């Protein structure tokens, strides 16, 4: 194998690799000989088929297979000899066969940068902790009673109002024909919940038990089921029962939900709040840790990884906005190429927003590489037992389908990697916490659950900001949406 380096810029490497014709011929003969041992041809015993005949009949097909194998093996050898760690799968291209039979191909690879991990014991971390007050428990108690009220059957002459629960049968029709997902029997609907498309719940206000109503409902133009979007439909509805909220004492509510005393339910809420507070405290501490790792490390980033992360962010922002190709990544600030000069706002995201989310993508890649290097240097891995436990836990979330989900996970390496990543990250974070002294500071509940603007932007946790960005380009996104059926969703329930 002859190797000539043709590019060495930043993290990008490119090589011209030549595989000698003699080596290819030897590998081809070896593969044909191996194949002849199991091949049965009329007039020849297994393993006795002449090499010349094997070349004649199978040479072309095996030759292609041999070239692919040798290109892969030589690429791996090249990376090994030069101690290169690729950030993603190397790209093999521009392959040719010379007149003398040599095979020449181009190998392009973007490598991982050298990372000098900071002294983790010098990290300055402060954990925020908040005490659970009686008012917190009171609020949880009241919220629970509001979410799970008691309903009693209404009198026969009761007129349905917002807040009531109605039991209905309904059939939805489009152009006089019932459509899929628009029919239900004994459906329980809380009026005012916003569960159904606008106009449906309002149309049942004022009805009585036994009433039959025909509701004319226009679906929103951007409704997720394309065949109903913007369509005017009719729903034939029968009101079979009306239930009204009933007054009950705290003791009665406690008994209804299966607790012995009010104090026992309050203790339950306190335990839940304790877990919630602890989780929030750890989440904010982890965010601070990742922020410091980002700030304390400076190295060139593999731009292919940044681009992949940017696309992931894009998908998360617009996952419910149609299958639209993501905009191109914005150019670097010092980029003077023609593409940079022509850069302009995308219909779904301005350049300013692209740059903001590029910074988020760069931060994620940088922090991810630092965590990976810490894991590599300290031999932090996810054991087989931890993976089995994670797969079982995941399968148990799908009641009635546990075996099918478990089989899928066991046979799908990509799905296993999606489980392995978060487990490994938590192990690395725990390892770092053990190396540094974490101070504690008491804060109020509001302070604990407040997310600072800077942290919110970096971690993409600010849902309202994300909604604003989506709304700013809503009309453009609507026009870009492809048409297609939305399956698996109730066609009546609102988005």
Protein backbone atom coordinates (compact mmCIF):
# COMPACT_ATOMS: atom_id res chain seq x y z
CA UNK A 1 0.00 0.00 0.00
CA UNK A 2 1.31 3.41 -1.01
CA UNK A 3 -0.09 6.49 0.74
CA UNK A 4 0.27 10.16 -0.26
CA UNK A 5 -1.21 12.85 1.97
CA UNK A 6 -3.04 15.39 -0.19
CA UNK A 7 -4.68 17.53 2.50
CA UNK A 8 -3.78 18.44 6.06
CA UNK A 9 -5.83 21.43 7.14
CA UNK A 10 -7.17 21.72 10.66
CA UNK A 11 -8.92 18.44 11.42
CA UNK A 12 -9.36 17.47 7.78
CA UNK A 13 -7.09 14.86 6.23
CA UNK A 14 -7.14 13.45 2.72
CA UNK A 15 -5.00 10.69 1.27
CA UNK A 16 -4.37 9.13 -2.09
CA UNK A 17 -4.04 5.39 -1.50
CA UNK A 18 -2.64 2.98 -4.09
CA UNK A 19 -3.12 -0.77 -3.75
CA UNK A 20 -0.64 -2.75 -5.90
CA UNK A 21 -2.01 -4.96 -8.66
CA UNK A 22 0.02 -7.92 -7.36
CA UNK A 23 -1.52 -7.66 -3.90
CA UNK A 24 -4.98 -7.47 -5.43
CA UNK A 25 -4.30 -10.52 -7.60
CA UNK A 26 -3.07 -12.53 -4.61
CA UNK A 27 -6.10 -11.52 -2.57
CA UNK A 28 -8.38 -12.43 -5.48
CA UNK A 29 -6.78 -15.88 -5.88
CA UNK A 30 -7.07 -16.48 -2.15
CA UNK A 31 -10.76 -15.53 -2.15
CA UNK A 32 -11.50 -17.68 -5.22
CA UNK A 33 -9.70 -20.63 -3.65
CA UNK A 34 -11.72 -20.21 -0.48
CA UNK A 35 -14.91 -20.02 -2.51
CA UNK A 36 -14.06 -23.14 -4.53
CA UNK A 37 -13.93 -25.27 -1.35
CA UNK A 38 -17.66 -24.92 -0.84
CA UNK A 39 -18.71 -24.55 -4.49
CA UNK A 40 -20.18 -27.49 -6.37
CA UNK A 41 -19.73 -27.53 -10.15
CA UNK A 42 -20.66 -30.47 -12.41
CA UNK A 43 -17.60 -32.62 -13.15
CA UNK A 44 -15.50 -31.28 -10.26
CA UNK A 45 -15.13 -32.34 -6.67
CA UNK A 46 -15.37 -29.61 -4.00
CA UNK A 47 -12.04 -27.80 -3.77
CA UNK A 48 -10.81 -29.13 -7.13
CA UNK A 49 -12.28 -26.46 -9.43
CA UNK A 50 -9.36 -24.93 -11.41
CA UNK A 51 -8.48 -21.34 -10.50
CA UNK A 52 -8.68 -20.37 -14.18
CA UNK A 53 -12.30 -21.54 -14.34
CA UNK A 54 -13.13 -19.76 -11.09
CA UNK A 55 -11.66 -16.54 -12.50
CA UNK A 56 -13.64 -16.96 -15.71
CA UNK A 57 -16.97 -17.55 -14.02
CA UNK A 58 -16.75 -15.53 -10.83
CA UNK A 59 -13.74 -13.26 -11.26
CA UNK A 60 -15.61 -10.02 -11.94
CA UNK A 61 -18.02 -10.32 -9.00
CA UNK A 62 -15.32 -11.45 -6.56
CA UNK A 63 -12.92 -8.78 -7.87
CA UNK A 64 -15.37 -6.03 -6.82
CA UNK A 65 -15.79 -7.65 -3.40
CA UNK A 66 -12.01 -7.90 -2.97
CA UNK A 67 -11.51 -4.23 -3.82
CA UNK A 68 -14.13 -3.19 -1.28
CA UNK A 69 -12.53 -5.36 1.40
CA UNK A 70 -9.01 -4.13 0.63
CA UNK A 71 -10.13 -0.48 0.59
CA UNK A 72 -11.73 -0.93 4.00
CA UNK A 73 -8.78 -2.85 5.45
CA UNK A 74 -6.19 -0.41 4.07
CA UNK A 75 -8.20 2.56 5.37
CA UNK A 76 -8.27 1.03 8.85
CA UNK A 77 -4.54 0.32 8.63
CA UNK A 78 -3.79 3.89 7.55
CA UNK A 79 -5.75 5.35 10.48
CA UNK A 80 -4.05 2.94 12.89
CA UNK A 81 -0.51 3.64 11.67
CA UNK A 82 -1.00 7.43 11.84
CA UNK A 83 -2.86 7.30 15.15
CA UNK A 84 -5.88 9.08 13.73
CA UNK A 85 -9.25 8.92 15.44
CA UNK A 86 -12.01 9.76 12.95
CA UNK A 87 -14.95 11.87 14.13
CA UNK A 88 -17.21 9.96 11.75
CA UNK A 89 -16.98 7.25 9.10
CA UNK A 90 -14.14 8.07 6.62
CA UNK A 91 -15.26 8.73 3.05
CA UNK A 92 -13.79 6.71 0.18
CA UNK A 93 -14.20 8.30 -3.25
CA UNK A 94 -12.63 8.93 -6.68
CA UNK A 95 -11.49 5.34 -7.11
CA UNK A 96 -9.82 4.28 -10.35
CA UNK A 97 -8.06 1.22 -11.76
CA UNK A 98 -4.76 2.08 -13.42
CA UNK A 99 -3.58 0.47 -16.66
CA UNK A 100 -1.10 -1.65 -14.72
CA UNK A 101 -3.93 -2.96 -12.51
CA UNK A 102 -3.20 -0.85 -9.45
CA UNK A 103 -6.29 0.35 -7.56
CA UNK A 104 -6.22 4.01 -6.51
CA UNK A 105 -8.75 5.73 -4.24
CA UNK A 106 -9.13 8.92 -2.22
CA UNK A 107 -9.72 8.71 1.52
CA UNK A 108 -11.14 11.78 3.27
CA UNK A 109 -11.46 11.86 7.04
CA UNK A 110 -12.17 14.46 9.69
CA UNK A 111 -10.32 13.52 12.86
CA UNK A 112 -11.05 14.16 16.50
CA UNK A 113 -9.02 17.00 18.02
CA UNK A 114 -6.44 16.59 20.73
CA UNK A 115 -8.11 17.48 24.02
CA UNK A 116 -6.22 18.41 27.16
CA UNK A 117 -8.72 17.88 29.95
CA UNK A 118 -8.59 20.50 32.69
CA UNK A 119 -7.90 19.63 36.33
CA UNK A 120 -11.42 18.62 37.24
CA UNK A 121 -10.79 19.14 40.97
CA UNK A 122 -10.53 22.90 40.35
CA UNK A 123 -14.12 23.21 39.13
CA UNK A 124 -16.14 25.73 41.11
CA UNK A 125 -19.64 24.31 41.52
CA UNK A 126 -22.51 25.34 43.76
CA UNK A 127 -25.62 23.23 44.25
CA UNK A 128 -28.85 25.11 44.85
CA UNK A 129 -31.14 23.53 47.44
CA UNK A 130 -34.60 24.59 48.59
CA UNK A 131 -36.69 23.44 51.53
CA UNK A 132 -40.20 22.16 51.04
CA UNK A 133 -42.70 24.36 52.88
CA UNK A 134 -46.20 23.56 54.07
CA UNK A 135 -47.51 25.95 51.41
CA UNK A 136 -45.78 23.82 48.75
CA UNK A 137 -47.65 20.79 50.04
CA UNK A 138 -50.91 22.80 50.22
CA UNK A 139 -50.43 23.81 46.58
CA UNK A 140 -49.81 20.21 45.53
CA UNK A 141 -52.92 19.11 47.43
CA UNK A 142 -55.09 21.76 45.77
CA UNK A 143 -53.66 21.06 42.34
CA UNK A 144 -54.38 17.35 42.75
CA UNK A 145 -58.00 17.98 43.77
CA UNK A 146 -58.42 20.30 40.77
CA UNK A 147 -56.96 17.80 38.32
CA UNK A 148 -58.93 14.85 39.69
CA UNK A 149 -62.29 16.21 40.80
CA UNK A 150 -65.23 14.09 41.84
CA UNK A 151 -68.14 13.98 39.41
CA UNK A 152 -71.75 13.10 40.18
CA UNK A 153 -74.49 12.39 37.62
CA UNK A 154 -76.43 15.54 36.79
CA UNK A 155 -80.19 15.89 37.09
CA UNK A 156 -82.16 15.08 33.95
CA UNK A 157 -82.95 18.73 33.31
CA UNK A 158 -79.37 19.95 33.84
CA UNK A 159 -77.97 22.12 31.06
CA UNK A 160 -74.36 21.28 30.16
CA UNK A 161 -71.83 24.01 30.97
CA UNK A 162 -68.08 24.43 30.76
CA UNK A 163 -66.48 22.30 33.47
CA UNK A 164 -69.01 19.50 33.11
CA UNK A 165 -68.08 16.02 31.92
CA UNK A 166 -70.27 14.63 29.15
CA UNK A 167 -70.51 11.05 27.90
CA UNK A 168 -71.20 11.12 24.17
CA UNK A 169 -71.43 9.12 20.97
CA UNK A 170 -70.36 10.93 17.82
CA UNK A 171 -69.80 10.40 14.12
CA UNK A 172 -67.81 12.86 12.02
CA UNK A 173 -68.61 13.25 8.33
CA UNK A 174 -66.71 14.90 5.49
CA UNK A 175 -68.87 15.58 2.44
CA UNK A 176 -71.51 13.30 3.92
CA UNK A 177 -69.16 10.34 4.45
CA UNK A 178 -67.84 9.22 7.84
CA UNK A 179 -64.06 9.68 8.02
CA UNK A 180 -61.47 7.57 9.81
CA UNK A 181 -60.85 8.57 13.42
CA UNK A 182 -64.04 10.64 13.63
CA UNK A 183 -66.29 8.12 15.38
CA UNK A 184 -66.49 7.09 19.03
CA UNK A 185 -68.93 5.55 21.50
CA UNK A 186 -69.27 6.39 25.22
CA UNK A 187 -66.55 9.00 24.92
CA UNK A 188 -65.85 10.97 28.10
CA UNK A 189 -65.19 14.66 27.36
CA UNK A 190 -64.53 17.46 29.85
CA UNK A 191 -66.04 20.63 28.43
CA UNK A 192 -63.50 23.42 28.44
CA UNK A 193 -60.49 21.10 28.43
CA UNK A 194 -59.54 22.03 24.87
CA UNK A 195 -59.19 18.34 24.08
CA UNK A 196 -61.13 18.60 20.81
CA UNK A 197 -60.88 20.95 17.86
CA UNK A 198 -62.24 24.47 18.42
CA UNK A 199 -66.01 24.66 18.31
CA UNK A 200 -66.74 21.05 19.30
CA UNK A 201 -66.87 21.48 23.07
CA UNK A 202 -68.50 24.89 22.77
CA UNK A 203 -71.19 23.29 20.58
CA UNK A 204 -72.27 21.02 23.43
CA UNK A 205 -72.77 23.82 25.95
CA UNK A 206 -76.49 24.14 26.67
CA UNK A 207 -77.29 20.55 25.75
CA UNK A 208 -79.24 18.13 27.96
CA UNK A 209 -79.16 14.38 28.51
CA UNK A 210 -80.60 12.67 25.43
CA UNK A 211 -80.02 15.62 23.11
CA UNK A 212 -78.83 14.97 19.57
CA UNK A 213 -76.87 17.74 17.94
CA UNK A 214 -75.21 18.25 14.60
CA UNK A 215 -72.08 20.38 14.93
CA UNK A 216 -70.51 22.07 11.94
CA UNK A 217 -66.77 22.06 12.63
CA UNK A 218 -64.09 23.65 10.46
CA UNK A 219 -60.68 22.12 11.06
CA UNK A 220 -57.68 24.47 11.33
CA UNK A 221 -55.75 25.08 8.11
CA UNK A 222 -52.60 23.63 9.68
CA UNK A 223 -54.29 20.59 11.22
CA UNK A 224 -51.93 17.62 11.47
CA UNK A 225 -54.23 15.27 9.46
CA UNK A 226 -53.81 16.68 5.96
CA UNK A 227 -57.11 15.27 4.65
CA UNK A 228 -59.00 17.29 7.30
CA UNK A 229 -56.91 20.47 7.32
CA UNK A 230 -59.12 23.44 6.44
CA UNK A 231 -62.13 21.20 5.80
CA UNK A 232 -65.65 21.86 7.08
CA UNK A 233 -67.16 18.74 8.63
CA UNK A 234 -70.34 17.71 10.42
CA UNK A 235 -70.50 15.76 13.68
CA UNK A 236 -73.65 13.96 14.73
CA UNK A 237 -73.45 13.91 18.54
CA UNK A 238 -75.66 12.17 21.09
CA UNK A 239 -75.39 13.33 24.72
CA UNK A 240 -75.86 10.19 26.80
CA UNK A 241 -74.88 11.47 30.24
CA UNK A 242 -73.79 14.66 31.96
CA UNK A 243 -71.68 14.67 35.12
CA UNK A 244 -71.10 17.71 37.28
CA UNK A 245 -68.32 18.43 39.74
CA UNK A 246 -69.31 17.53 43.27
CA UNK A 247 -68.22 19.19 46.47
CA UNK A 248 -66.31 16.98 48.87
CA UNK A 249 -64.25 17.44 51.99
CA UNK A 250 -60.50 16.77 52.02
CA UNK A 251 -61.15 13.59 54.01
CA UNK A 252 -63.65 12.38 51.40
CA UNK A 253 -61.24 13.09 48.56
CA UNK A 254 -58.45 11.26 50.38
CA UNK A 255 -60.63 8.21 50.85
CA UNK A 256 -61.69 8.31 47.19
CA UNK A 257 -58.11 8.16 45.94
CA UNK A 258 -57.16 5.34 48.29
CA UNK A 259 -55.32 6.99 51.21
CA UNK A 260 -56.20 6.43 54.84
CA UNK A 261 -55.80 9.98 56.12
CA UNK A 262 -55.21 13.51 54.91
CA UNK A 263 -51.76 13.41 56.55
CA UNK A 264 -50.81 10.27 54.63
CA UNK A 265 -51.67 11.99 51.33
CA UNK A 266 -49.73 15.08 52.38
CA UNK A 267 -46.74 12.85 53.21
CA UNK A 268 -47.06 11.34 49.73
CA UNK A 269 -46.96 14.81 48.19
CA UNK A 270 -43.95 15.71 50.32
CA UNK A 271 -42.07 12.64 49.09
CA UNK A 272 -42.90 13.52 45.50
CA UNK A 273 -41.83 17.12 45.98
CA UNK A 274 -38.58 15.99 47.63
CA UNK A 275 -37.72 13.94 44.55
CA UNK A 276 -38.73 16.82 42.27
CA UNK A 277 -36.60 19.33 44.20
CA UNK A 278 -33.61 16.97 44.25
CA UNK A 279 -33.89 16.32 40.53
CA UNK A 280 -34.12 20.03 39.75
CA UNK A 281 -31.14 20.72 42.01
CA UNK A 282 -29.06 18.10 40.23
CA UNK A 283 -30.20 19.29 36.80
CA UNK A 284 -29.08 22.86 37.47
CA UNK A 285 -25.80 21.65 38.96
CA UNK A 286 -25.19 19.53 35.88
CA UNK A 287 -25.92 22.49 33.59
CA UNK A 288 -23.38 24.58 35.51
CA UNK A 289 -20.84 21.77 35.19
CA UNK A 290 -21.33 21.48 31.45
CA UNK A 291 -21.12 25.24 31.06
CA UNK A 292 -17.76 25.29 32.86
CA UNK A 293 -16.44 22.40 30.78
CA UNK A 294 -17.44 24.35 27.69
CA UNK A 295 -15.73 27.55 28.85
CA UNK A 296 -12.56 25.87 30.16
CA UNK A 297 -11.77 23.94 26.98
CA UNK A 298 -10.80 25.41 23.64
CA UNK A 299 -9.99 23.22 20.66
CA UNK A 300 -11.02 23.01 16.99
CA UNK A 301 -14.32 21.24 16.42
CA UNK A 302 -15.06 18.64 13.73
CA UNK A 303 -17.49 20.65 11.62
CA UNK A 304 -19.25 17.52 10.37
CA UNK A 305 -20.26 16.83 13.98
CA UNK A 306 -21.42 20.43 14.41
CA UNK A 307 -23.51 20.16 11.25
CA UNK A 308 -25.10 16.92 12.45
CA UNK A 309 -25.89 18.51 15.82
CA UNK A 310 -27.34 21.59 14.13
CA UNK A 311 -29.67 19.34 12.12
CA UNK A 312 -30.71 17.61 15.35
CA UNK A 313 -31.55 20.97 16.93
CA UNK A 314 -33.48 21.93 13.81
CA UNK A 315 -35.50 18.70 13.97
CA UNK A 316 -36.31 19.33 17.63
CA UNK A 317 -37.46 22.90 16.94
CA UNK A 318 -39.63 22.07 13.97
CA UNK A 319 -40.52 18.42 14.46
CA UNK A 320 -44.25 19.24 14.29
CA UNK A 321 -43.93 21.74 11.45
CA UNK A 322 -43.65 19.47 8.42
CA UNK A 323 -40.89 17.54 6.72
CA UNK A 324 -38.91 20.48 5.39
CA UNK A 325 -35.17 20.35 4.62
CA UNK A 326 -33.10 22.29 7.17
CA UNK A 327 -31.49 25.56 6.14
CA UNK A 328 -27.76 25.62 5.35
CA UNK A 329 -25.41 26.26 8.22
CA UNK A 330 -24.37 29.92 8.51
CA UNK A 331 -20.79 30.70 7.47
CA UNK A 332 -18.06 31.36 9.99
CA UNK A 333 -17.54 34.98 10.98
CA UNK A 334 -14.20 35.09 9.13
CA UNK A 335 -15.47 33.21 6.07
CA UNK A 336 -14.88 35.22 2.88
CA UNK A 337 -16.05 32.61 0.38
CA UNK A 338 -18.66 33.27 -2.28
CA UNK A 339 -21.16 31.15 -0.36
CA UNK A 340 -20.71 33.37 2.70
CA UNK A 341 -21.24 36.51 0.64
CA UNK A 342 -24.47 35.07 -0.76
CA UNK A 343 -25.78 33.94 2.63
CA UNK A 344 -29.21 35.25 3.50
CA UNK A 345 -32.12 34.60 5.80
CA UNK A 346 -33.87 31.27 5.33
CA UNK A 347 -37.72 31.35 5.21
CA UNK A 348 -37.81 29.29 8.40
CA UNK A 349 -34.86 30.75 10.29
CA UNK A 350 -32.98 34.03 10.05
CA UNK A 351 -29.20 34.20 9.91
CA UNK A 352 -29.17 35.57 13.45
CA UNK A 353 -31.17 32.59 14.66
CA UNK A 354 -28.97 30.21 12.69
CA UNK A 355 -25.88 31.65 14.36
CA UNK A 356 -27.52 31.33 17.77
CA UNK A 357 -28.33 27.67 17.24
CA UNK A 358 -24.94 27.04 15.69
CA UNK A 359 -23.43 28.22 18.98
CA UNK A 360 -25.66 25.75 20.80
CA UNK A 361 -24.55 22.99 18.42
CA UNK A 362 -20.88 23.88 18.91
CA UNK A 363 -21.31 23.88 22.68
CA UNK A 364 -22.95 20.45 22.62
CA UNK A 365 -20.21 19.00 20.43
CA UNK A 366 -17.43 20.55 22.52
CA UNK A 367 -18.89 19.34 25.82
CA UNK A 368 -19.64 15.92 24.34
CA UNK A 369 -16.04 15.51 23.18
CA UNK A 370 -14.69 16.58 26.58
CA UNK A 371 -16.96 14.09 28.36
CA UNK A 372 -15.91 11.34 25.93
CA UNK A 373 -12.24 12.11 26.57
CA UNK A 374 -12.79 11.99 30.34
CA UNK A 375 -14.48 8.62 29.91
CA UNK A 376 -11.63 7.34 27.71
CA UNK A 377 -8.87 8.49 30.05
CA UNK A 378 -10.60 7.06 33.12
CA UNK A 379 -11.99 3.92 31.49
CA UNK A 380 -15.59 4.81 32.27
CA UNK A 381 -17.90 2.49 30.35
CA UNK A 382 -21.42 1.10 30.43
CA UNK A 383 -21.43 -2.54 31.49
CA UNK A 384 -23.50 -5.27 29.86
CA UNK A 385 -25.49 -5.56 33.07
CA UNK A 386 -26.33 -1.84 33.03
CA UNK A 387 -27.47 -2.14 29.42
CA UNK A 388 -29.67 -5.15 30.18
CA UNK A 389 -31.22 -3.23 33.08
CA UNK A 390 -31.83 -0.18 30.86
CA UNK A 391 -33.43 -2.28 28.12
CA UNK A 392 -35.73 -3.98 30.62
CA UNK A 393 -36.74 -0.62 32.10
CA UNK A 394 -37.47 0.74 28.63
CA UNK A 395 -39.53 -2.31 27.67
CA UNK A 396 -41.61 -2.01 30.84
CA UNK A 397 -42.79 1.41 29.68
CA UNK A 398 -44.74 -0.34 26.91
CA UNK A 399 -47.32 -2.32 28.83
CA UNK A 400 -48.41 -5.43 26.95
CA UNK A 401 -45.57 -5.09 24.43
CA UNK A 402 -42.62 -5.71 26.73
CA UNK A 403 -41.30 -8.77 24.91
CA UNK A 404 -41.57 -7.18 21.47
CA UNK A 405 -39.77 -4.02 22.60
CA UNK A 406 -37.07 -6.00 24.41
CA UNK A 407 -36.46 -8.16 21.31
CA UNK A 408 -36.20 -5.02 19.19
CA UNK A 409 -33.65 -3.43 21.52
CA UNK A 410 -31.56 -6.60 21.72
CA UNK A 411 -31.36 -6.84 17.91
CA UNK A 412 -30.90 -3.14 17.17
CA UNK A 413 -27.42 -1.73 17.96
CA UNK A 414 -28.50 1.83 17.06
CA UNK A 415 -31.34 1.69 19.59
CA UNK A 416 -28.93 0.36 22.21
CA UNK A 417 -26.58 3.28 21.58
CA UNK A 418 -29.44 5.70 22.22
CA UNK A 419 -29.84 4.08 25.63
CA UNK A 420 -26.12 3.82 26.29
CA UNK A 421 -25.40 7.53 25.74
CA UNK A 422 -27.42 8.98 28.66
CA UNK A 423 -26.21 6.22 31.01
CA UNK A 424 -22.57 6.91 30.15
CA UNK A 425 -23.07 10.67 30.52
CA UNK A 426 -24.54 10.25 34.01
CA UNK A 427 -21.62 8.03 35.04
CA UNK A 428 -19.13 10.61 33.78
CA UNK A 429 -20.95 13.44 35.57
CA UNK A 430 -21.00 11.44 38.81
CA UNK A 431 -17.27 10.77 38.42
CA UNK A 432 -16.59 14.50 38.07
CA UNK A 433 -18.77 15.37 41.07
CA UNK A 434 -16.66 12.99 43.18
CA UNK A 435 -13.48 14.84 42.20
CA UNK A 436 -14.62 18.34 43.07
CA UNK A 437 -15.99 19.93 46.20
CA UNK A 438 -19.55 20.99 45.54
CA UNK A 439 -20.75 23.84 47.72
CA UNK A 440 -24.40 24.24 48.68
CA UNK A 441 -26.52 27.35 48.88
CA UNK A 442 -30.11 27.64 50.06
CA UNK A 443 -32.55 29.30 47.69
CA UNK A 444 -36.29 29.73 47.45
CA UNK A 445 -38.44 27.38 45.44
CA UNK A 446 -38.91 30.05 42.74
CA UNK A 447 -35.15 30.53 42.48
CA UNK A 448 -34.55 26.79 42.28
CA UNK A 449 -36.96 26.34 39.41
CA UNK A 450 -35.96 29.52 37.61
CA UNK A 451 -33.84 28.94 34.53
CA UNK A 452 -31.36 31.70 33.85
CA UNK A 453 -31.63 33.31 30.42
CA UNK A 454 -28.09 32.36 29.45
CA UNK A 455 -28.47 28.73 30.54
CA UNK A 456 -31.85 28.58 28.84
CA UNK A 457 -30.42 29.74 25.54
CA UNK A 458 -27.47 27.36 25.66
CA UNK A 459 -29.51 24.32 26.59
CA UNK A 460 -32.54 25.12 24.43
CA UNK A 461 -34.89 24.78 27.38
CA UNK A 462 -36.86 27.97 26.80
CA UNK A 463 -39.97 26.68 25.09
CA UNK A 464 -41.56 30.10 24.79
CA UNK A 465 -38.56 31.43 22.88
CA UNK A 466 -38.68 28.43 20.60
CA UNK A 467 -42.39 29.02 19.98
CA UNK A 468 -41.70 32.65 19.12
CA UNK A 469 -39.08 31.59 16.57
CA UNK A 470 -41.54 29.15 15.02
CA UNK A 471 -44.35 31.71 14.93
CA UNK A 472 -42.17 34.27 13.16
CA UNK A 473 -42.00 32.03 10.09
CA UNK A 474 -45.32 30.21 10.42
CA UNK A 475 -46.78 31.27 7.08
CA UNK A 476 -43.64 30.22 5.20
CA UNK A 477 -43.60 26.87 6.93
CA UNK A 478 -47.26 26.20 6.11
CA UNK A 479 -46.63 26.70 2.41
CA UNK A 480 -43.66 24.32 2.58
CA UNK A 481 -45.56 21.47 4.23
CA UNK A 482 -45.96 18.31 2.15
CA UNK A 483 -49.37 16.71 1.88
CA UNK A 484 -49.93 13.33 3.47
CA UNK A 485 -52.10 11.41 5.89
CA UNK A 486 -51.43 11.54 9.58
CA UNK A 487 -51.98 8.07 10.95
CA UNK A 488 -52.40 6.79 14.45
CA UNK A 489 -54.02 9.95 15.90
CA UNK A 490 -57.60 10.70 16.79
CA UNK A 491 -58.81 12.87 13.93
CA UNK A 492 -60.97 14.93 16.27
CA UNK A 493 -58.59 15.63 19.12
CA UNK A 494 -56.93 19.01 18.82
CA UNK A 495 -53.16 19.37 18.49
